N, C-alpha and C. Protein backbone atom coordinates (compact mmCIF):
# COMPACT_ATOMS: atom_id res chain seq x y z
N MET A 1 1.11 4.42 -12.40
CA MET A 1 1.21 3.27 -11.56
C MET A 1 2.37 3.45 -10.57
N CYS A 2 2.17 2.94 -9.34
CA CYS A 2 3.29 2.92 -8.43
C CYS A 2 3.19 1.59 -7.60
N ARG A 3 4.30 1.29 -7.10
CA ARG A 3 4.43 0.13 -6.22
C ARG A 3 4.17 0.51 -4.79
N ILE A 4 3.41 -0.32 -4.06
CA ILE A 4 3.10 -0.09 -2.69
C ILE A 4 3.98 -1.02 -1.89
N PRO A 5 4.90 -0.47 -1.08
CA PRO A 5 5.78 -1.35 -0.31
C PRO A 5 4.98 -2.17 0.65
N GLU A 6 5.62 -3.44 0.85
CA GLU A 6 5.02 -4.36 1.85
C GLU A 6 4.96 -3.67 3.20
N GLY A 7 3.84 -3.95 3.90
CA GLY A 7 3.71 -3.40 5.25
C GLY A 7 3.11 -2.02 5.33
N THR A 8 2.84 -1.37 4.17
CA THR A 8 2.24 0.00 4.13
C THR A 8 0.95 -0.03 4.80
N GLN A 9 0.68 0.93 5.66
CA GLN A 9 -0.53 1.01 6.37
C GLN A 9 -1.49 1.96 5.76
N SER A 10 -2.83 1.76 5.93
CA SER A 10 -3.83 2.67 5.40
C SER A 10 -3.55 4.01 5.94
N GLY A 11 -3.73 5.04 5.07
CA GLY A 11 -3.41 6.41 5.51
C GLY A 11 -2.07 6.90 5.20
N SER A 12 -1.20 6.03 4.83
CA SER A 12 0.22 6.42 4.52
C SER A 12 0.26 7.20 3.23
N LYS A 13 1.19 8.09 3.08
CA LYS A 13 1.30 8.92 1.90
C LYS A 13 2.61 8.49 1.17
N ILE A 14 2.48 8.41 -0.18
CA ILE A 14 3.61 8.08 -1.00
C ILE A 14 3.84 9.24 -1.95
N ARG A 15 5.03 9.67 -2.10
CA ARG A 15 5.38 10.78 -3.07
C ARG A 15 5.91 10.10 -4.35
N LEU A 16 5.34 10.58 -5.50
CA LEU A 16 5.73 10.23 -6.82
C LEU A 16 6.38 11.36 -7.42
N LYS A 17 7.68 11.40 -7.33
CA LYS A 17 8.50 12.61 -7.77
C LYS A 17 8.42 12.78 -9.28
N GLY A 18 8.00 13.99 -9.65
CA GLY A 18 7.94 14.40 -11.08
C GLY A 18 6.73 13.83 -11.77
N LYS A 19 5.77 13.36 -11.10
CA LYS A 19 4.53 12.74 -11.66
C LYS A 19 3.30 13.60 -11.51
N GLY A 20 3.55 14.80 -10.90
CA GLY A 20 2.44 15.71 -10.73
C GLY A 20 2.03 16.61 -11.91
N ILE A 21 1.40 17.74 -11.75
CA ILE A 21 1.14 18.59 -12.83
C ILE A 21 2.26 19.39 -13.30
N GLN A 22 2.19 19.87 -14.54
CA GLN A 22 3.26 20.64 -15.09
C GLN A 22 3.24 22.00 -14.41
N ALA A 23 4.56 22.52 -14.18
CA ALA A 23 4.76 23.80 -13.50
C ALA A 23 4.30 24.92 -14.54
N MET A 24 3.66 25.89 -13.99
CA MET A 24 3.23 26.99 -14.91
C MET A 24 4.42 27.68 -15.55
N GLY A 25 4.33 27.82 -16.88
CA GLY A 25 5.36 28.50 -17.57
C GLY A 25 6.71 27.80 -17.70
N LYS A 26 6.79 26.56 -17.30
CA LYS A 26 8.03 25.77 -17.36
C LYS A 26 7.83 24.52 -18.10
N ALA A 27 8.12 24.48 -19.41
CA ALA A 27 7.94 23.34 -20.20
C ALA A 27 8.77 22.16 -19.76
N GLY A 28 8.18 20.97 -19.52
CA GLY A 28 8.99 19.85 -19.10
C GLY A 28 9.26 19.68 -17.63
N VAL A 29 8.72 20.61 -16.84
CA VAL A 29 8.92 20.61 -15.43
C VAL A 29 7.68 20.21 -14.72
N TYR A 30 7.69 19.11 -13.96
CA TYR A 30 6.53 18.58 -13.37
C TYR A 30 6.75 18.50 -11.83
N GLY A 31 5.63 18.81 -11.12
CA GLY A 31 5.72 18.70 -9.69
C GLY A 31 5.54 17.23 -9.20
N ASP A 32 5.47 17.09 -7.86
CA ASP A 32 5.34 15.75 -7.32
C ASP A 32 3.87 15.52 -7.07
N LEU A 33 3.51 14.22 -7.21
CA LEU A 33 2.09 13.69 -6.97
C LEU A 33 2.20 12.93 -5.70
N TYR A 34 1.21 13.23 -4.78
CA TYR A 34 1.22 12.49 -3.49
C TYR A 34 -0.02 11.65 -3.55
N VAL A 35 0.19 10.39 -3.07
CA VAL A 35 -0.86 9.33 -3.10
C VAL A 35 -1.15 8.94 -1.67
N THR A 36 -2.37 8.91 -1.31
CA THR A 36 -2.76 8.40 0.02
C THR A 36 -3.27 7.06 -0.06
N VAL A 37 -2.74 6.07 0.62
CA VAL A 37 -3.14 4.71 0.55
C VAL A 37 -4.30 4.50 1.39
N GLN A 38 -5.36 3.80 0.77
CA GLN A 38 -6.52 3.42 1.57
C GLN A 38 -6.82 1.99 1.35
N VAL A 39 -6.65 1.28 2.49
CA VAL A 39 -6.87 -0.18 2.47
C VAL A 39 -8.29 -0.51 2.86
N GLN A 40 -9.02 -1.26 2.02
CA GLN A 40 -10.44 -1.70 2.32
C GLN A 40 -10.34 -3.10 2.84
N VAL A 41 -10.83 -3.33 4.03
CA VAL A 41 -10.88 -4.69 4.57
C VAL A 41 -12.25 -5.28 4.26
N PRO A 42 -12.35 -6.44 3.72
CA PRO A 42 -13.60 -7.11 3.39
C PRO A 42 -14.40 -7.35 4.64
N ARG A 43 -15.77 -7.08 4.55
CA ARG A 43 -16.58 -7.31 5.71
C ARG A 43 -17.25 -8.69 5.75
N ASN A 44 -17.64 -9.24 4.59
CA ASN A 44 -18.32 -10.42 4.56
C ASN A 44 -17.52 -11.48 3.85
N LEU A 45 -16.92 -12.37 4.67
CA LEU A 45 -16.13 -13.42 4.13
C LEU A 45 -16.81 -14.81 4.33
N ASN A 46 -16.64 -15.65 3.31
CA ASN A 46 -17.20 -16.97 3.51
C ASN A 46 -16.17 -17.80 4.42
N GLU A 47 -16.60 -18.97 4.88
CA GLU A 47 -15.77 -19.76 5.79
C GLU A 47 -14.44 -20.05 5.28
N GLU A 48 -14.40 -20.43 3.92
CA GLU A 48 -13.08 -20.78 3.34
C GLU A 48 -12.13 -19.66 3.43
N SER A 49 -12.63 -18.40 3.07
CA SER A 49 -11.83 -17.21 3.15
C SER A 49 -11.32 -16.95 4.55
N LYS A 50 -12.19 -17.03 5.48
CA LYS A 50 -11.83 -16.89 6.93
C LYS A 50 -10.72 -17.83 7.38
N ARG A 51 -10.86 -19.10 6.97
CA ARG A 51 -9.83 -20.14 7.28
C ARG A 51 -8.50 -19.81 6.55
N SER A 52 -8.55 -19.33 5.31
CA SER A 52 -7.31 -18.99 4.65
C SER A 52 -6.56 -17.83 5.36
N LEU A 53 -7.39 -16.83 5.76
CA LEU A 53 -6.76 -15.69 6.46
C LEU A 53 -6.22 -16.10 7.78
N ARG A 54 -6.84 -17.05 8.54
CA ARG A 54 -6.29 -17.58 9.78
C ARG A 54 -4.92 -18.26 9.62
N GLU A 55 -4.94 -19.07 8.45
CA GLU A 55 -3.75 -19.75 8.17
C GLU A 55 -2.54 -18.78 7.88
N LEU A 56 -2.85 -17.77 7.06
CA LEU A 56 -1.93 -16.78 6.77
C LEU A 56 -1.39 -16.05 7.99
N ASP A 57 -2.34 -15.70 8.89
CA ASP A 57 -1.92 -15.10 10.14
C ASP A 57 -0.98 -15.92 10.94
N THR A 58 -1.32 -17.14 11.00
CA THR A 58 -0.54 -18.19 11.78
C THR A 58 0.83 -18.31 11.20
N SER A 59 0.95 -18.39 9.87
CA SER A 59 2.27 -18.59 9.20
C SER A 59 3.11 -17.26 9.38
N THR A 60 2.50 -16.14 9.28
CA THR A 60 3.30 -14.91 9.43
C THR A 60 3.75 -14.74 10.85
N ARG A 61 2.98 -15.15 11.77
CA ARG A 61 3.41 -14.98 13.17
C ARG A 61 4.58 -15.95 13.40
N MET A 62 4.53 -17.20 12.83
CA MET A 62 5.63 -18.07 13.05
C MET A 62 6.86 -17.73 12.35
N ALA A 63 6.70 -16.98 11.20
CA ALA A 63 7.89 -16.57 10.44
C ALA A 63 8.41 -15.20 10.96
N GLY A 64 7.67 -14.56 11.92
CA GLY A 64 8.10 -13.36 12.43
C GLY A 64 7.99 -12.14 11.47
N THR A 65 7.05 -12.26 10.57
CA THR A 65 6.95 -11.18 9.53
C THR A 65 5.78 -10.26 9.77
N ARG A 66 4.97 -10.55 10.82
CA ARG A 66 3.74 -9.71 11.06
C ARG A 66 4.13 -8.26 11.23
N GLY A 67 3.54 -7.35 10.36
CA GLY A 67 3.82 -5.94 10.45
C GLY A 67 5.15 -5.51 9.93
N SER A 68 5.76 -6.33 9.21
CA SER A 68 7.09 -6.06 8.57
C SER A 68 6.97 -4.96 7.66
N ARG A 69 7.99 -4.04 7.57
CA ARG A 69 7.94 -2.92 6.66
C ARG A 69 8.98 -3.06 5.56
N THR A 70 9.66 -4.15 5.54
CA THR A 70 10.71 -4.40 4.54
C THR A 70 10.04 -4.82 3.23
N ALA A 71 10.65 -4.45 2.07
CA ALA A 71 10.11 -4.88 0.80
C ALA A 71 10.82 -6.02 0.23
């Protein structure tokens, strides 16, 4: 399990140090695991969901957090 930082875009790669496969002939030594983030955007939303997303968009624009990369 890993935490995805806020603002991470689809296609971004995250390195999980020491979480990969074990090095050949080296007990207890593991490589790094790289994860590619894939965000799936829903295609069919009901009206209530659309309204909620619009409200979220409006509130993030007002707060100046749209596209923020800070965690």
